Amino acid sequence: MTGDARRARRERSVRESLASIVLVFEVVVVFLAALVIWGLSREDGGAFGLPSWAPLVAGGLVIAGLALTIPLLRYEWGYLLGWALQVLLLASGLLNPAMFVVGALFGGMWAYCMIVGARIDRARAAQAAAEQDQGKEPS
């Protein structure tokens, strides 16, 4: 086999594409939020009596979860994992109240992408089925 024999890329659904875009933006925001929460916890001591390094570790774990969820979106349970991460992001508002706003914004974007992406995917599938049925008409 030559180098030209490559595997064909799997076609991604609109819902999967939109979900991965939201998750990538969340990675950036969670990184910055972890730095802010860490910086604030160094002055007053950690939130809930946690050590000051805890926000960095927790932020790193959430970032890893977000990044690992992106390739798992090819499976239906990957979207459930995405929903769980949205809830976790919203719950981070307990550490910094501004994160309630950030979590609500990203949760809303996630929900919108799930609804609209699924609607577009259904419309595309219906159109493809109609085109396939038209091609099978007897002469």
N, C-alpha and C. Protein backbone atom coordinates (compact mmCIF):
# COMPACT_ATOMS: atom_id res chain seq x y z
N MET A 1 0.83 -1.17 0.00
CA MET A 1 0.00 0.00 0.00
C MET A 1 0.88 1.23 0.00
N THR A 2 0.42 2.24 -0.66
CA THR A 2 1.17 3.49 -0.73
C THR A 2 0.63 4.47 0.31
N GLY A 3 1.29 5.62 0.42
CA GLY A 3 0.85 6.65 1.35
C GLY A 3 -0.46 7.28 0.93
N ASP A 4 -0.86 7.06 -0.33
CA ASP A 4 -2.10 7.65 -0.81
C ASP A 4 -3.33 6.89 -0.33
N ALA A 5 -3.12 5.66 0.13
CA ALA A 5 -4.26 4.86 0.60
C ALA A 5 -4.55 5.26 2.04
N ARG A 6 -5.44 6.20 2.19
CA ARG A 6 -5.81 6.68 3.52
C ARG A 6 -7.24 6.28 3.82
N ARG A 7 -7.49 6.17 5.11
CA ARG A 7 -8.87 5.86 5.50
C ARG A 7 -9.74 7.09 5.26
N ALA A 8 -10.93 6.85 4.79
CA ALA A 8 -11.87 7.94 4.59
C ALA A 8 -12.32 8.46 5.95
N ARG A 9 -12.41 9.77 6.08
CA ARG A 9 -12.85 10.37 7.34
C ARG A 9 -14.33 10.15 7.53
N ARG A 10 -14.68 9.86 8.74
CA ARG A 10 -16.08 9.68 9.10
C ARG A 10 -16.78 11.03 9.02
N GLU A 11 -17.95 11.04 8.42
CA GLU A 11 -18.71 12.28 8.34
C GLU A 11 -19.34 12.57 9.69
N ARG A 12 -19.08 13.76 10.20
CA ARG A 12 -19.60 14.15 11.51
C ARG A 12 -20.96 14.81 11.34
N SER A 13 -21.81 14.57 12.31
CA SER A 13 -23.13 15.21 12.30
C SER A 13 -22.97 16.68 12.69
N VAL A 14 -23.98 17.47 12.38
CA VAL A 14 -23.97 18.88 12.76
C VAL A 14 -23.98 18.99 14.28
N ARG A 15 -24.74 18.14 14.93
CA ARG A 15 -24.79 18.17 16.40
C ARG A 15 -23.42 17.89 16.99
N GLU A 16 -22.71 16.92 16.43
CA GLU A 16 -21.37 16.61 16.93
C GLU A 16 -20.41 17.76 16.70
N SER A 17 -20.49 18.40 15.54
CA SER A 17 -19.61 19.53 15.24
C SER A 17 -19.88 20.70 16.18
N LEU A 18 -21.15 21.03 16.37
CA LEU A 18 -21.49 22.14 17.26
C LEU A 18 -21.08 21.84 18.70
N ALA A 19 -21.31 20.62 19.14
CA ALA A 19 -20.95 20.24 20.51
C ALA A 19 -19.45 20.33 20.72
N SER A 20 -18.67 19.91 19.74
CA SER A 20 -17.21 19.97 19.90
C SER A 20 -16.73 21.42 19.93
N ILE A 21 -17.38 22.31 19.20
CA ILE A 21 -17.00 23.72 19.24
C ILE A 21 -17.26 24.30 20.63
N VAL A 22 -18.42 23.99 21.20
CA VAL A 22 -18.73 24.48 22.54
C VAL A 22 -17.72 23.95 23.54
N LEU A 23 -17.37 22.68 23.45
CA LEU A 23 -16.43 22.09 24.41
C LEU A 23 -15.04 22.72 24.29
N VAL A 24 -14.60 23.04 23.08
CA VAL A 24 -13.29 23.68 22.91
C VAL A 24 -13.29 25.06 23.57
N PHE A 25 -14.35 25.82 23.37
CA PHE A 25 -14.43 27.13 24.02
C PHE A 25 -14.48 26.98 25.54
N GLU A 26 -15.14 25.96 26.01
CA GLU A 26 -15.19 25.72 27.46
C GLU A 26 -13.82 25.40 28.03
N VAL A 27 -13.00 24.70 27.28
CA VAL A 27 -11.64 24.41 27.75
C VAL A 27 -10.91 25.70 28.05
N VAL A 28 -10.99 26.65 27.14
CA VAL A 28 -10.31 27.94 27.33
C VAL A 28 -10.88 28.67 28.55
N VAL A 29 -12.20 28.72 28.66
CA VAL A 29 -12.84 29.44 29.75
C VAL A 29 -12.54 28.78 31.10
N VAL A 30 -12.57 27.46 31.15
CA VAL A 30 -12.28 26.76 32.42
C VAL A 30 -10.82 26.98 32.82
N PHE A 31 -9.92 27.01 31.86
CA PHE A 31 -8.51 27.29 32.17
C PHE A 31 -8.39 28.67 32.82
N LEU A 32 -9.00 29.67 32.20
CA LEU A 32 -8.92 31.03 32.74
C LEU A 32 -9.64 31.14 34.08
N ALA A 33 -10.78 30.47 34.22
CA ALA A 33 -11.53 30.52 35.47
C ALA A 33 -10.74 29.85 36.60
N ALA A 34 -10.07 28.75 36.31
CA ALA A 34 -9.27 28.08 37.34
C ALA A 34 -8.15 29.00 37.81
N LEU A 35 -7.56 29.73 36.89
CA LEU A 35 -6.51 30.68 37.29
C LEU A 35 -7.07 31.80 38.16
N VAL A 36 -8.25 32.29 37.82
CA VAL A 36 -8.88 33.35 38.62
C VAL A 36 -9.22 32.83 40.01
N ILE A 37 -9.85 31.68 40.08
CA ILE A 37 -10.23 31.12 41.39
C ILE A 37 -8.99 30.82 42.22
N TRP A 38 -7.94 30.33 41.58
CA TRP A 38 -6.68 30.08 42.29
C TRP A 38 -6.09 31.38 42.81
N GLY A 39 -6.07 32.41 41.97
CA GLY A 39 -5.52 33.70 42.40
C GLY A 39 -6.30 34.30 43.55
N LEU A 40 -7.62 34.17 43.53
CA LEU A 40 -8.43 34.70 44.62
C LEU A 40 -8.27 33.87 45.89
N SER A 41 -8.06 32.58 45.76
CA SER A 41 -7.94 31.73 46.94
C SER A 41 -6.60 31.91 47.64
N ARG A 42 -5.61 32.45 46.95
CA ARG A 42 -4.30 32.66 47.58
C ARG A 42 -4.38 33.77 48.61
N GLU A 43 -5.29 34.74 48.43
CA GLU A 43 -5.40 35.84 49.37
C GLU A 43 -6.19 35.44 50.62
N ASP A 44 -7.33 34.78 50.43
CA ASP A 44 -8.22 34.48 51.56
C ASP A 44 -8.08 33.06 52.08
N GLY A 45 -7.23 32.27 51.53
CA GLY A 45 -7.22 30.84 51.83
C GLY A 45 -8.17 30.18 50.86
N GLY A 46 -8.13 28.89 50.76
CA GLY A 46 -8.95 28.17 49.78
C GLY A 46 -10.44 28.23 50.10
N ALA A 47 -11.24 28.12 49.06
CA ALA A 47 -12.69 28.06 49.24
C ALA A 47 -13.04 26.76 49.95
N PHE A 48 -13.99 26.84 50.87
CA PHE A 48 -14.43 25.68 51.65
C PHE A 48 -13.28 25.04 52.43
N GLY A 49 -12.28 25.82 52.75
CA GLY A 49 -11.14 25.30 53.52
C GLY A 49 -10.20 24.42 52.72
N LEU A 50 -10.34 24.43 51.39
CA LEU A 50 -9.44 23.63 50.54
C LEU A 50 -8.11 24.33 50.39
N PRO A 51 -7.05 23.58 50.12
CA PRO A 51 -5.75 24.22 49.88
C PRO A 51 -5.81 25.10 48.64
N SER A 52 -4.92 26.07 48.56
CA SER A 52 -4.98 27.05 47.47
C SER A 52 -4.69 26.42 46.11
N TRP A 53 -4.03 25.26 46.07
CA TRP A 53 -3.73 24.62 44.79
C TRP A 53 -4.91 23.79 44.26
N ALA A 54 -5.93 23.58 45.07
CA ALA A 54 -7.07 22.74 44.67
C ALA A 54 -7.79 23.26 43.42
N PRO A 55 -7.99 24.58 43.26
CA PRO A 55 -8.65 25.04 42.03
C PRO A 55 -7.87 24.70 40.76
N LEU A 56 -6.55 24.70 40.85
CA LEU A 56 -5.74 24.35 39.67
C LEU A 56 -5.90 22.88 39.31
N VAL A 57 -5.90 22.03 40.32
CA VAL A 57 -6.06 20.59 40.08
C VAL A 57 -7.47 20.30 39.56
N ALA A 58 -8.47 20.89 40.22
CA ALA A 58 -9.86 20.67 39.78
C ALA A 58 -10.06 21.20 38.36
N GLY A 59 -9.51 22.38 38.08
CA GLY A 59 -9.62 22.94 36.73
C GLY A 59 -8.96 22.04 35.70
N GLY A 60 -7.80 21.49 36.06
CA GLY A 60 -7.11 20.57 35.15
C GLY A 60 -7.92 19.32 34.87
N LEU A 61 -8.58 18.80 35.91
CA LEU A 61 -9.40 17.61 35.73
C LEU A 61 -10.63 17.91 34.85
N VAL A 62 -11.23 19.08 35.05
CA VAL A 62 -12.39 19.45 34.22
C VAL A 62 -11.94 19.65 32.77
N ILE A 63 -10.80 20.30 32.59
CA ILE A 63 -10.27 20.50 31.23
C ILE A 63 -10.01 19.16 30.57
N ALA A 64 -9.43 18.22 31.30
CA ALA A 64 -9.18 16.88 30.75
C ALA A 64 -10.51 16.21 30.38
N GLY A 65 -11.52 16.36 31.24
CA GLY A 65 -12.83 15.79 30.94
C GLY A 65 -13.45 16.40 29.69
N LEU A 66 -13.33 17.71 29.56
CA LEU A 66 -13.87 18.38 28.36
C LEU A 66 -13.14 17.92 27.11
N ALA A 67 -11.81 17.87 27.18
CA ALA A 67 -11.02 17.48 26.01
C ALA A 67 -11.27 16.02 25.63
N LEU A 68 -11.41 15.16 26.62
CA LEU A 68 -11.65 13.74 26.33
C LEU A 68 -13.07 13.48 25.84
N THR A 69 -13.98 14.38 26.14
CA THR A 69 -15.36 14.21 25.68
C THR A 69 -15.50 14.45 24.18
N ILE A 70 -14.67 15.31 23.63
CA ILE A 70 -14.80 15.67 22.21
C ILE A 70 -14.76 14.44 21.29
N PRO A 71 -13.77 13.55 21.39
CA PRO A 71 -13.81 12.38 20.50
C PRO A 71 -14.90 11.37 20.87
N LEU A 72 -15.43 11.45 22.08
CA LEU A 72 -16.47 10.52 22.50
C LEU A 72 -17.85 10.94 22.00
N LEU A 73 -17.95 12.08 21.34
CA LEU A 73 -19.23 12.54 20.83
C LEU A 73 -19.74 11.68 19.68
N ARG A 74 -18.90 10.79 19.18
CA ARG A 74 -19.38 9.89 18.13
C ARG A 74 -20.36 8.87 18.70
N TYR A 75 -20.34 8.71 20.03
CA TYR A 75 -21.27 7.81 20.71
C TYR A 75 -22.36 8.64 21.40
N GLU A 76 -23.54 8.08 21.49
CA GLU A 76 -24.65 8.81 22.11
C GLU A 76 -24.36 9.13 23.57
N TRP A 77 -23.69 8.25 24.30
CA TRP A 77 -23.41 8.51 25.70
C TRP A 77 -22.39 9.63 25.88
N GLY A 78 -21.67 9.99 24.83
CA GLY A 78 -20.75 11.13 24.90
C GLY A 78 -21.50 12.43 25.15
N TYR A 79 -22.73 12.52 24.62
CA TYR A 79 -23.54 13.72 24.85
C TYR A 79 -24.01 13.78 26.29
N LEU A 80 -24.28 12.62 26.89
CA LEU A 80 -24.65 12.59 28.32
C LEU A 80 -23.48 13.06 29.17
N LEU A 81 -22.28 12.65 28.79
CA LEU A 81 -21.09 13.12 29.49
C LEU A 81 -20.96 14.64 29.34
N GLY A 82 -21.27 15.13 28.16
CA GLY A 82 -21.24 16.58 27.92
C GLY A 82 -22.24 17.31 28.81
N TRP A 83 -23.44 16.74 28.97
CA TRP A 83 -24.43 17.35 29.86
C TRP A 83 -23.93 17.35 31.30
N ALA A 84 -23.28 16.26 31.72
CA ALA A 84 -22.76 16.19 33.09
C ALA A 84 -21.69 17.27 33.31
N LEU A 85 -20.87 17.50 32.30
CA LEU A 85 -19.84 18.53 32.42
C LEU A 85 -20.47 19.93 32.47
N GLN A 86 -21.60 20.11 31.79
CA GLN A 86 -22.29 21.40 31.87
C GLN A 86 -22.79 21.65 33.29
N VAL A 87 -23.32 20.61 33.91
CA VAL A 87 -23.80 20.72 35.30
C VAL A 87 -22.63 21.00 36.23
N LEU A 88 -21.50 20.35 36.00
CA LEU A 88 -20.31 20.57 36.82
C LEU A 88 -19.81 22.01 36.69
N LEU A 89 -19.85 22.53 35.48
CA LEU A 89 -19.43 23.91 35.26
C LEU A 89 -20.36 24.88 35.98
N LEU A 90 -21.64 24.61 35.94
CA LEU A 90 -22.60 25.45 36.65
C LEU A 90 -22.37 25.36 38.16
N ALA A 91 -22.08 24.18 38.65
CA ALA A 91 -21.83 23.98 40.09
C ALA A 91 -20.55 24.67 40.55
N SER A 92 -19.65 24.97 39.63
CA SER A 92 -18.42 25.66 40.02
C SER A 92 -18.72 27.08 40.49
N GLY A 93 -19.96 27.52 40.30
CA GLY A 93 -20.36 28.81 40.84
C GLY A 93 -20.32 28.84 42.36
N LEU A 94 -20.28 27.69 42.99
CA LEU A 94 -20.12 27.65 44.45
C LEU A 94 -18.75 28.15 44.86
N LEU A 95 -17.76 28.01 43.99
CA LEU A 95 -16.42 28.50 44.28
C LEU A 95 -16.26 29.98 43.95
N ASN A 96 -16.89 30.39 42.87
CA ASN A 96 -16.85 31.79 42.45
C ASN A 96 -18.21 32.09 41.83
N PRO A 97 -19.01 32.98 42.42
CA PRO A 97 -20.36 33.23 41.93
C PRO A 97 -20.44 33.63 40.46
N ALA A 98 -19.41 34.20 39.91
CA ALA A 98 -19.42 34.56 38.49
C ALA A 98 -19.53 33.32 37.61
N MET A 99 -19.12 32.18 38.13
CA MET A 99 -19.18 30.94 37.36
C MET A 99 -20.62 30.46 37.17
N PHE A 100 -21.54 30.93 38.02
CA PHE A 100 -22.96 30.63 37.77
C PHE A 100 -23.38 31.22 36.43
N VAL A 101 -22.93 32.43 36.16
CA VAL A 101 -23.26 33.10 34.90
C VAL A 101 -22.59 32.37 33.73
N VAL A 102 -21.31 32.06 33.89
CA VAL A 102 -20.56 31.37 32.83
C VAL A 102 -21.18 29.99 32.58
N GLY A 103 -21.49 29.27 33.64
CA GLY A 103 -22.10 27.95 33.50
C GLY A 103 -23.46 28.01 32.84
N ALA A 104 -24.25 29.02 33.19
CA ALA A 104 -25.58 29.17 32.57
C ALA A 104 -25.44 29.51 31.09
N LEU A 105 -24.49 30.37 30.74
CA LEU A 105 -24.27 30.71 29.33
C LEU A 105 -23.85 29.49 28.51
N PHE A 106 -22.88 28.75 29.02
CA PHE A 106 -22.42 27.57 28.29
C PHE A 106 -23.48 26.47 28.28
N GLY A 107 -24.21 26.33 29.37
CA GLY A 107 -25.30 25.35 29.39
C GLY A 107 -26.36 25.70 28.36
N GLY A 108 -26.66 26.98 28.24
CA GLY A 108 -27.62 27.41 27.23
C GLY A 108 -27.12 27.18 25.82
N MET A 109 -25.83 27.46 25.60
CA MET A 109 -25.26 27.20 24.27
C MET A 109 -25.26 25.71 23.96
N TRP A 110 -24.93 24.90 24.96
CA TRP A 110 -24.92 23.45 24.78
C TRP A 110 -26.32 22.95 24.41
N ALA A 111 -27.33 23.41 25.17
CA ALA A 111 -28.70 22.99 24.89
C ALA A 111 -29.13 23.44 23.49
N TYR A 112 -28.81 24.67 23.13
CA TYR A 112 -29.18 25.18 21.81
C TYR A 112 -28.52 24.34 20.72
N CYS A 113 -27.25 24.03 20.88
CA CYS A 113 -26.53 23.22 19.88
C CYS A 113 -27.11 21.82 19.78
N MET A 114 -27.53 21.25 20.90
CA MET A 114 -28.12 19.91 20.88
C MET A 114 -29.45 19.94 20.13
N ILE A 115 -30.27 20.95 20.39
CA ILE A 115 -31.60 21.02 19.77
C ILE A 115 -31.49 21.33 18.28
N VAL A 116 -30.76 22.38 17.95
CA VAL A 116 -30.66 22.81 16.55
C VAL A 116 -29.85 21.80 15.74
N GLY A 117 -28.76 21.29 16.31
CA GLY A 117 -27.95 20.31 15.58
C GLY A 117 -28.75 19.06 15.25
N ALA A 118 -29.53 18.57 16.21
CA ALA A 118 -30.36 17.38 15.96
C ALA A 118 -31.42 17.67 14.91
N ARG A 119 -32.00 18.88 14.95
CA ARG A 119 -33.02 19.26 13.96
C ARG A 119 -32.41 19.29 12.55
N ILE A 120 -31.24 19.86 12.42
CA ILE A 120 -30.58 19.93 11.11
C ILE A 120 -30.22 18.53 10.63
N ASP A 121 -29.72 17.69 11.53
CA ASP A 121 -29.36 16.31 11.16
C ASP A 121 -30.59 15.53 10.69
N ARG A 122 -31.73 15.71 11.37
CA ARG A 122 -32.96 15.03 10.95
C ARG A 122 -33.41 15.52 9.57
N ALA A 123 -33.31 16.82 9.34
CA ALA A 123 -33.71 17.38 8.04
C ALA A 123 -32.79 16.85 6.93
N ARG A 124 -31.50 16.78 7.21
CA ARG A 124 -30.57 16.24 6.21
C ARG A 124 -30.84 14.77 5.92
N ALA A 125 -31.13 14.01 6.97
CA ALA A 125 -31.42 12.58 6.77
C ALA A 125 -32.70 12.40 5.97
N ALA A 126 -33.71 13.21 6.24
CA ALA A 126 -34.97 13.12 5.49
C ALA A 126 -34.75 13.50 4.04
N GLN A 127 -33.93 14.52 3.80
CA GLN A 127 -33.64 14.93 2.43
C GLN A 127 -32.87 13.85 1.69
N ALA A 128 -31.89 13.24 2.36
CA ALA A 128 -31.12 12.17 1.72
C ALA A 128 -32.00 10.97 1.42
N ALA A 129 -32.92 10.64 2.33
CA ALA A 129 -33.83 9.52 2.10
C ALA A 129 -34.76 9.81 0.93
N ALA A 130 -35.23 11.06 0.83
CA ALA A 130 -36.12 11.43 -0.28
C ALA A 130 -35.37 11.36 -1.61
N GLU A 131 -34.12 11.82 -1.61
CA GLU A 131 -33.32 11.76 -2.84
C GLU A 131 -33.03 10.32 -3.24
N GLN A 132 -32.81 9.46 -2.25
CA GLN A 132 -32.55 8.06 -2.53
C GLN A 132 -33.80 7.38 -3.07
N ASP A 133 -34.96 7.71 -2.52
CA ASP A 133 -36.23 7.15 -3.00
C ASP A 133 -36.50 7.59 -4.43
N GLN A 134 -36.18 8.82 -4.76
CA GLN A 134 -36.39 9.32 -6.12
C GLN A 134 -35.49 8.59 -7.11
N GLY A 135 -34.30 8.24 -6.66
CA GLY A 135 -33.36 7.52 -7.55
C GLY A 135 -33.77 6.09 -7.79
N LYS A 136 -34.67 5.52 -6.95
CA LYS A 136 -35.07 4.12 -7.09
C LYS A 136 -36.38 3.96 -7.84
N GLU A 137 -36.95 5.03 -8.35
CA GLU A 137 -38.23 4.93 -9.04
C GLU A 137 -38.10 4.06 -10.28
N PRO A 138 -39.10 3.18 -10.53
CA PRO A 138 -39.02 2.32 -11.73
C PRO A 138 -39.22 3.15 -13.01
N SER A 139 -38.60 2.71 -14.09
CA SER A 139 -38.71 3.44 -15.36
C SER A 139 -39.90 3.02 -16.16
